[in-house]
């Protein structure tokens, strides 16, 4: 048979669990300074459609960031060709406004489906 919880047995009441959103936000604040690369990537992902525009936001997503290079996953070879050859300068400029530490872009077609889906 299980023993009664402290609140039921007259002990001190247990503190109610924090809502998950608050717990996640606290964890993110605590770990942001420990892994700046992850926080930069998370910030770029969160604001991606605003940074690059809705059309490119649906067809691409930031995949990785390291030493100034942002790897961008695109949804198709056609999108890859256009982003890489015709729009790279424009996209880099927009990204650098949001995150000046990005100095180089690397594009690749994603493995599955549209990058904007997930």
C-alpha atoms as a PDB file:
ATOM      1  CA  UNK A   1       0.000   0.000   0.000  1.00  0.00           C
ATOM      2  CA  UNK A   2       1.264   3.474  -0.851  1.00  0.00           C
ATOM      3  CA  UNK A   3       1.972   6.018   1.820  1.00  0.00           C
ATOM      4  CA  UNK A   4      -0.123   9.168   1.894  1.00  0.00           C
ATOM      5  CA  UNK A   5       1.270  12.344   0.368  1.00  0.00           C
ATOM      6  CA  UNK A   6       2.546  15.012   2.788  1.00  0.00           C
ATOM      7  CA  UNK A   7      -0.492  17.212   2.139  1.00  0.00           C
ATOM      8  CA  UNK A   8      -2.858  14.398   3.017  1.00  0.00           C
ATOM      9  CA  UNK A   9      -0.955  13.234   6.052  1.00  0.00           C
ATOM     10  CA  UNK A  10      -0.764  16.646   7.660  1.00  0.00           C
ATOM     11  CA  UNK A  11       2.747  17.509   6.375  1.00  0.00           C
ATOM     12  CA  UNK A  12       3.567  20.563   4.296  1.00  0.00           C
ATOM     13  CA  UNK A  13       1.550  20.852   1.091  1.00  0.00           C
ATOM     14  CA  UNK A  14       3.364  20.177  -2.157  1.00  0.00           C
ATOM     15  CA  UNK A  15       4.007  23.086  -4.450  1.00  0.00           C
ATOM     16  CA  UNK A  16       1.820  22.967  -7.555  1.00  0.00           C
ATOM     17  CA  UNK A  17       3.760  22.130 -10.704  1.00  0.00           C
ATOM     18  CA  UNK A  18       4.606  25.059 -12.966  1.00  0.00           C
ATOM     19  CA  UNK A  19       2.774  25.229 -16.267  1.00  0.00           C
ATOM     20  CA  UNK A  20       4.868  23.594 -18.973  1.00  0.00           C
ATOM     21  CA  UNK A  21       5.250  26.808 -20.994  1.00  0.00           C
ATOM     22  CA  UNK A  22       6.760  28.582 -18.004  1.00  0.00           C
ATOM     23  CA  UNK A  23       9.062  25.652 -17.260  1.00  0.00           C
ATOM     24  CA  UNK A  24      10.282  25.588 -20.877  1.00  0.00           C
ATOM     25  CA  UNK A  25      10.830  29.350 -20.931  1.00  0.00           C
ATOM     26  CA  UNK A  26      12.847  29.142 -17.716  1.00  0.00           C
ATOM     27  CA  UNK A  27      14.960  26.313 -19.119  1.00  0.00           C
ATOM     28  CA  UNK A  28      15.574  28.257 -22.344  1.00  0.00           C
ATOM     29  CA  UNK A  29      16.716  31.346 -20.426  1.00  0.00           C
ATOM     30  CA  UNK A  30      19.066  29.272 -18.299  1.00  0.00           C
ATOM     31  CA  UNK A  31      20.599  27.443 -21.261  1.00  0.00           C
ATOM     32  CA  UNK A  32      20.707  30.286 -23.768  1.00  0.00           C
ATOM     33  CA  UNK A  33      24.065  31.576 -22.581  1.00  0.00           C
ATOM     34  CA  UNK A  34      25.492  28.048 -22.398  1.00  0.00           C
ATOM     35  CA  UNK A  35      24.863  27.289 -26.058  1.00  0.00           C
ATOM     36  CA  UNK A  36      24.718  30.516 -28.068  1.00  0.00           C
ATOM     37  CA  UNK A  37      24.839  28.615 -31.367  1.00  0.00           C
ATOM     38  CA  UNK A  38      21.593  26.825 -30.516  1.00  0.00           C
ATOM     39  CA  UNK A  39      19.897  30.023 -29.390  1.00  0.00           C
ATOM     40  CA  UNK A  40      20.920  31.837 -32.588  1.00  0.00           C
ATOM     41  CA  UNK A  41      19.517  29.006 -34.687  1.00  0.00           C
ATOM     42  CA  UNK A  42      16.326  28.847 -32.616  1.00  0.00           C
ATOM     43  CA  UNK A  43      15.842  32.595 -32.976  1.00  0.00           C
ATOM     44  CA  UNK A  44      16.368  32.451 -36.751  1.00  0.00           C
ATOM     45  CA  UNK A  45      13.942  29.532 -37.051  1.00  0.00           C
ATOM     46  CA  UNK A  46      11.306  31.324 -35.010  1.00  0.00           C
ATOM     47  CA  UNK A  47      11.501  34.465 -37.170  1.00  0.00           C
ATOM     48  CA  UNK A  48      12.364  32.827 -40.497  1.00  0.00           C
ATOM     49  CA  UNK A  49       9.255  33.793 -42.512  1.00  0.00           C
ATOM     50  CA  UNK A  50       9.526  37.375 -41.309  1.00  0.00           C
ATOM     51  CA  UNK A  51      13.233  37.529 -42.182  1.00  0.00           C
ATOM     52  CA  UNK A  52      13.132  35.979 -45.659  1.00  0.00           C
ATOM     53  CA  UNK A  53       9.488  36.604 -46.548  1.00  0.00           C
ATOM     54  CA  UNK A  54       6.507  34.266 -46.592  1.00  0.00           C
ATOM     55  CA  UNK A  55       7.268  32.664 -49.962  1.00  0.00           C
ATOM     56  CA  UNK A  56      10.844  31.703 -49.082  1.00  0.00           C
ATOM     57  CA  UNK A  57       9.803  30.926 -45.518  1.00  0.00           C
ATOM     58  CA  UNK A  58       7.486  28.200 -46.826  1.00  0.00           C
ATOM     59  CA  UNK A  59      10.179  26.756 -49.079  1.00  0.00           C
ATOM     60  CA  UNK A  60      13.153  26.835 -46.723  1.00  0.00           C
ATOM     61  CA  UNK A  61      14.313  26.734 -43.133  1.00  0.00           C
ATOM     62  CA  UNK A  62      17.548  27.276 -41.222  1.00  0.00           C
ATOM     63  CA  UNK A  63      19.098  23.879 -40.584  1.00  0.00           C
ATOM     64  CA  UNK A  64      22.382  24.595 -38.782  1.00  0.00           C
ATOM     65  CA  UNK A  65      24.635  27.477 -37.795  1.00  0.00           C
ATOM     66  CA  UNK A  66      28.353  27.240 -37.212  1.00  0.00           C
ATOM     67  CA  UNK A  67      31.230  29.692 -37.354  1.00  0.00           C
ATOM     68  CA  UNK A  68      29.236  32.291 -39.265  1.00  0.00           C
ATOM     69  CA  UNK A  69      27.773  29.875 -41.819  1.00  0.00           C
ATOM     70  CA  UNK A  70      24.038  29.312 -41.881  1.00  0.00           C
ATOM     71  CA  UNK A  71      22.951  26.077 -43.555  1.00  0.00           C
ATOM     72  CA  UNK A  72      19.555  26.457 -45.175  1.00  0.00           C
ATOM     73  CA  UNK A  73      17.414  23.491 -46.173  1.00  0.00           C
ATOM     74  CA  UNK A  74      15.137  24.090 -49.170  1.00  0.00           C
ATOM     75  CA  UNK A  75      12.135  22.135 -50.404  1.00  0.00           C
ATOM     76  CA  UNK A  76      13.185  21.442 -53.996  1.00  0.00           C
ATOM     77  CA  UNK A  77      16.013  21.683 -56.484  1.00  0.00           C
ATOM     78  CA  UNK A  78      14.165  24.537 -58.226  1.00  0.00           C
ATOM     79  CA  UNK A  79      14.034  26.500 -54.973  1.00  0.00           C
ATOM     80  CA  UNK A  80      17.681  25.650 -54.353  1.00  0.00           C
ATOM     81  CA  UNK A  81      18.699  26.981 -57.747  1.00  0.00           C
ATOM     82  CA  UNK A  82      16.775  30.224 -57.368  1.00  0.00           C
ATOM     83  CA  UNK A  83      17.827  30.906 -53.785  1.00  0.00           C
ATOM     84  CA  UNK A  84      21.462  30.050 -54.435  1.00  0.00           C
ATOM     85  CA  UNK A  85      21.990  31.828 -57.738  1.00  0.00           C
ATOM     86  CA  UNK A  86      19.433  34.630 -57.900  1.00  0.00           C
ATOM     87  CA  UNK A  87      18.522  35.494 -54.316  1.00  0.00           C
ATOM     88  CA  UNK A  88      21.519  34.610 -52.131  1.00  0.00           C
ATOM     89  CA  UNK A  89      22.717  38.217 -51.747  1.00  0.00           C
ATOM     90  CA  UNK A  90      19.249  39.500 -50.900  1.00  0.00           C
ATOM     91  CA  UNK A  91      18.619  36.657 -48.457  1.00  0.00           C
ATOM     92  CA  UNK A  92      22.003  37.118 -46.767  1.00  0.00           C
ATOM     93  CA  UNK A  93      21.343  40.847 -46.353  1.00  0.00           C
ATOM     94  CA  UNK A  94      17.964  40.168 -44.733  1.00  0.00           C
ATOM     95  CA  UNK A  95      19.445  37.548 -42.430  1.00  0.00           C
ATOM     96  CA  UNK A  96      22.326  39.808 -41.421  1.00  0.00           C
ATOM     97  CA  UNK A  97      19.866  42.505 -40.359  1.00  0.00           C
ATOM     98  CA  UNK A  98      18.358  39.960 -37.938  1.00  0.00           C
ATOM     99  CA  UNK A  99      21.632  38.214 -37.047  1.00  0.00           C
ATOM    100  CA  UNK A 100      24.876  39.989 -38.033  1.00  0.00           C
ATOM    101  CA  UNK A 101      27.035  36.995 -37.041  1.00  0.00           C
ATOM    102  CA  UNK A 102      25.839  35.122 -40.127  1.00  0.00           C
ATOM    103  CA  UNK A 103      28.425  35.766 -42.839  1.00  0.00           C
ATOM    104  CA  UNK A 104      27.898  32.890 -45.290  1.00  0.00           C
ATOM    105  CA  UNK A 105      24.968  30.847 -46.541  1.00  0.00           C
ATOM    106  CA  UNK A 106      25.006  27.197 -47.582  1.00  0.00           C
ATOM    107  CA  UNK A 107      21.957  25.765 -49.325  1.00  0.00           C
ATOM    108  CA  UNK A 108      20.888  22.115 -49.665  1.00  0.00           C
ATOM    109  CA  UNK A 109      17.718  20.312 -50.697  1.00  0.00           C
ATOM    110  CA  UNK A 110      16.019  18.683 -47.716  1.00  0.00           C
ATOM    111  CA  UNK A 111      15.572  14.935 -47.365  1.00  0.00           C
ATOM    112  CA  UNK A 112      11.815  14.814 -46.851  1.00  0.00           C
ATOM    113  CA  UNK A 113       8.958  17.083 -47.862  1.00  0.00           C
ATOM    114  CA  UNK A 114       8.809  20.802 -47.576  1.00  0.00           C
ATOM    115  CA  UNK A 115      11.107  22.391 -44.980  1.00  0.00           C
ATOM    116  CA  UNK A 116       8.414  24.886 -44.095  1.00  0.00           C
ATOM    117  CA  UNK A 117       6.179  22.089 -42.810  1.00  0.00           C
ATOM    118  CA  UNK A 118       8.076  21.334 -39.643  1.00  0.00           C
END
